[in-house]
N, C-alpha and C. Protein backbone atom coordinates (compact mmCIF):
# COMPACT_ATOMS: atom_id res chain seq x y z
N UNK A 1 14.49 85.07 -48.62
CA UNK A 1 15.66 86.45 -48.73
C UNK A 1 14.41 86.68 -49.70
N UNK A 2 14.39 86.06 -50.85
CA UNK A 2 13.97 87.27 -51.89
C UNK A 2 13.29 87.51 -50.61
N UNK A 3 11.83 87.50 -50.69
CA UNK A 3 10.75 88.64 -49.85
C UNK A 3 10.96 89.20 -49.39
N UNK A 4 12.33 89.49 -48.62
CA UNK A 4 12.64 90.40 -47.58
C UNK A 4 14.17 91.44 -48.63
N UNK A 5 14.73 91.13 -50.03
CA UNK A 5 15.19 92.22 -50.58
C UNK A 5 13.37 92.56 -51.48
N UNK A 6 12.24 91.84 -51.88
CA UNK A 6 11.22 92.98 -52.00
C UNK A 6 10.72 93.78 -51.72
N UNK A 7 10.98 93.13 -49.74
CA UNK A 7 10.02 94.53 -49.20
C UNK A 7 11.09 95.63 -49.91
N UNK A 8 12.20 95.72 -48.84
CA UNK A 8 13.53 96.58 -49.56
C UNK A 8 13.14 98.03 -50.65
N UNK A 9 12.81 96.88 -51.52
CA UNK A 9 13.42 97.82 -52.65
C UNK A 9 11.63 98.25 -53.00
N UNK A 10 10.80 97.69 -52.44
CA UNK A 10 8.79 98.30 -52.58
C UNK A 10 8.99 99.60 -52.29
N UNK A 11 9.63 99.56 -50.87
CA UNK A 11 9.98 100.70 -49.73
C UNK A 11 10.80 101.93 -50.73
N UNK A 12 11.81 101.75 -51.71
CA UNK A 12 12.47 102.46 -52.70
C UNK A 12 11.07 103.13 -54.18
N UNK A 13 10.45 102.22 -54.18
CA UNK A 13 9.58 102.80 -54.85
C UNK A 13 9.62 102.03 -56.11
N UNK A 14 11.21 101.00 -56.44
CA UNK A 14 11.04 100.10 -57.64
C UNK A 14 9.82 99.28 -58.17
N UNK A 15 9.94 99.36 -59.80
CA UNK A 15 8.28 97.96 -60.27
C UNK A 15 9.21 96.54 -59.86
N UNK A 16 7.73 95.97 -60.23
CA UNK A 16 7.64 95.06 -60.07
C UNK A 16 8.98 94.44 -59.41
N UNK A 17 9.38 95.14 -57.54
CA UNK A 17 9.58 94.51 -56.70
C UNK A 17 9.89 92.45 -56.93
N UNK A 18 8.83 91.90 -56.35
CA UNK A 18 9.39 90.21 -57.30
C UNK A 18 10.04 89.90 -57.68
N UNK A 19 10.50 90.72 -58.90
CA UNK A 19 10.80 89.95 -60.32
C UNK A 19 12.67 91.09 -59.62
N UNK A 20 12.73 92.69 -59.72
CA UNK A 20 13.70 92.75 -58.89
C UNK A 20 14.90 92.28 -58.66
N UNK A 21 13.77 91.38 -57.29
CA UNK A 21 14.61 90.35 -56.12
C UNK A 21 14.37 89.70 -56.41
N UNK A 22 14.52 89.25 -57.11
CA UNK A 22 14.98 87.22 -57.97
C UNK A 22 15.80 87.42 -58.18
N UNK A 23 15.81 89.09 -58.81
CA UNK A 23 17.37 89.43 -59.76
C UNK A 23 18.46 89.26 -59.01
N UNK A 24 18.69 90.47 -57.22
CA UNK A 24 19.74 90.99 -56.96
C UNK A 24 19.77 89.58 -55.43
N UNK A 25 18.67 88.72 -56.43
CA UNK A 25 19.13 87.17 -54.87
C UNK A 25 20.27 86.83 -55.80
N UNK A 26 19.50 86.25 -57.25
CA UNK A 26 20.69 85.19 -58.31
C UNK A 26 21.83 86.25 -58.05
N UNK A 27 22.22 87.86 -58.16
CA UNK A 27 23.28 88.42 -57.72
C UNK A 27 24.03 88.09 -56.41
N UNK A 28 23.73 87.72 -55.78
CA UNK A 28 24.29 87.45 -54.62
C UNK A 28 24.64 86.20 -54.63
N UNK A 29 23.97 85.17 -54.89
CA UNK A 29 24.15 84.41 -54.84
C UNK A 29 24.90 83.57 -56.02
N UNK A 30 24.94 84.28 -56.91
CA UNK A 30 25.86 83.73 -57.66
C UNK A 30 27.42 84.23 -57.97
N UNK A 31 27.61 85.43 -56.77
CA UNK A 31 28.42 86.36 -56.46
C UNK A 31 30.03 85.81 -55.73
N UNK A 32 28.31 85.44 -54.95
CA UNK A 32 28.84 84.43 -53.49
C UNK A 32 30.06 82.40 -53.85
N UNK A 33 29.15 82.38 -54.61
CA UNK A 33 30.28 81.06 -55.66
C UNK A 33 31.05 81.06 -56.18
N UNK A 34 30.73 82.22 -57.03
CA UNK A 34 32.36 82.49 -57.74
C UNK A 34 33.46 82.77 -56.82
N UNK A 35 33.07 83.82 -56.10
CA UNK A 35 34.20 84.04 -55.02
C UNK A 35 34.90 82.70 -54.00
N UNK A 36 34.08 81.44 -54.47
CA UNK A 36 34.01 81.34 -53.67
C UNK A 36 34.93 79.51 -54.37
N UNK A 37 34.66 79.36 -56.08
CA UNK A 37 35.27 79.54 -56.78
C UNK A 37 36.87 79.66 -56.97
N UNK A 38 36.93 81.64 -57.22
CA UNK A 38 37.81 81.26 -57.18
C UNK A 38 38.39 82.22 -56.57
N UNK A 39 38.59 81.86 -54.83
CA UNK A 39 39.11 82.06 -54.11
C UNK A 39 39.30 83.42 -53.57
N UNK A 40 38.23 83.86 -54.49
CA UNK A 40 38.92 85.69 -54.82
C UNK A 40 37.52 86.37 -53.69
N UNK A 41 37.09 87.19 -52.14
CA UNK A 41 36.73 87.46 -51.32
C UNK A 41 36.25 88.82 -51.69
N UNK A 42 36.18 89.07 -53.15
CA UNK A 42 36.06 90.59 -53.10
C UNK A 42 35.71 90.27 -53.94
N UNK A 43 34.75 89.06 -54.98
CA UNK A 43 34.84 89.16 -56.53
C UNK A 43 33.00 90.65 -56.52
N UNK A 44 32.64 90.31 -55.12
CA UNK A 44 31.39 90.67 -55.03
C UNK A 44 31.07 91.99 -56.05
N UNK A 45 31.94 93.06 -55.85
CA UNK A 45 32.03 94.01 -56.88
C UNK A 45 31.72 94.31 -57.60
N UNK A 46 31.56 92.67 -59.00
CA UNK A 46 31.39 92.75 -59.43
C UNK A 46 29.99 92.12 -59.59
N UNK A 47 28.66 91.93 -58.46
CA UNK A 47 27.66 91.55 -58.72
C UNK A 47 26.88 93.00 -58.26
N UNK A 48 27.60 93.74 -57.61
CA UNK A 48 27.96 95.10 -56.62
C UNK A 48 26.78 96.45 -57.71
N UNK A 49 28.31 96.52 -58.97
CA UNK A 49 28.53 96.93 -60.13
C UNK A 49 26.66 96.91 -61.29
N UNK A 50 26.44 95.61 -61.39
CA UNK A 50 24.89 95.37 -61.66
C UNK A 50 23.56 95.53 -61.11
N UNK A 51 23.82 95.45 -60.03
CA UNK A 51 22.57 95.73 -59.16
C UNK A 51 22.66 97.27 -59.14
N UNK A 52 23.58 97.56 -59.12
CA UNK A 52 22.87 99.37 -59.36
C UNK A 52 23.27 99.66 -60.40
N UNK A 53 23.23 98.92 -61.54
CA UNK A 53 22.54 98.87 -62.62
C UNK A 53 21.35 98.51 -62.54
N UNK A 54 21.20 97.74 -62.22
CA UNK A 54 19.24 97.53 -62.08
C UNK A 54 19.05 98.35 -61.29
N UNK A 55 19.09 98.63 -60.18
CA UNK A 55 17.96 98.88 -58.71
C UNK A 55 18.16 101.06 -60.09
N UNK A 56 18.97 101.19 -60.97
CA UNK A 56 18.99 101.84 -61.32
C UNK A 56 17.84 103.29 -62.64
N UNK A 57 17.66 101.48 -63.24
CA UNK A 57 16.65 100.82 -64.06
C UNK A 57 14.77 100.65 -63.49
N UNK A 58 14.81 100.30 -63.00
CA UNK A 58 14.07 99.65 -61.75
C UNK A 58 13.66 100.72 -60.88
N UNK A 59 14.03 101.67 -61.36
CA UNK A 59 13.68 103.52 -59.82
C UNK A 59 12.81 104.01 -60.85
N UNK A 60 11.42 104.55 -60.77
CA UNK A 60 10.72 105.90 -61.00
C UNK A 60 11.70 106.84 -61.43
N UNK A 61 11.45 107.38 -62.71
CA UNK A 61 12.16 108.75 -63.17
C UNK A 61 11.38 109.95 -62.88
N UNK A 62 12.27 110.62 -61.88
CA UNK A 62 11.83 112.06 -61.49
C UNK A 62 12.16 112.82 -63.15
N UNK A 63 10.59 113.74 -63.64
CA UNK A 63 11.05 114.73 -64.23
C UNK A 63 11.43 115.86 -63.33
């Protein structure tokens, strides 16, 4: 999964795609676990918000 995500974020031009991929997959795994433990199928919204911040910071800035 990490390899696939790394390829995808690399295509977006993200800096350090393998590091970002590990972070995003960790978020996804954590969100799935929390959703199961808490019985809240919508828990992924928290992971999505964090993923958006990570992606925004990993994308090259345009001038």
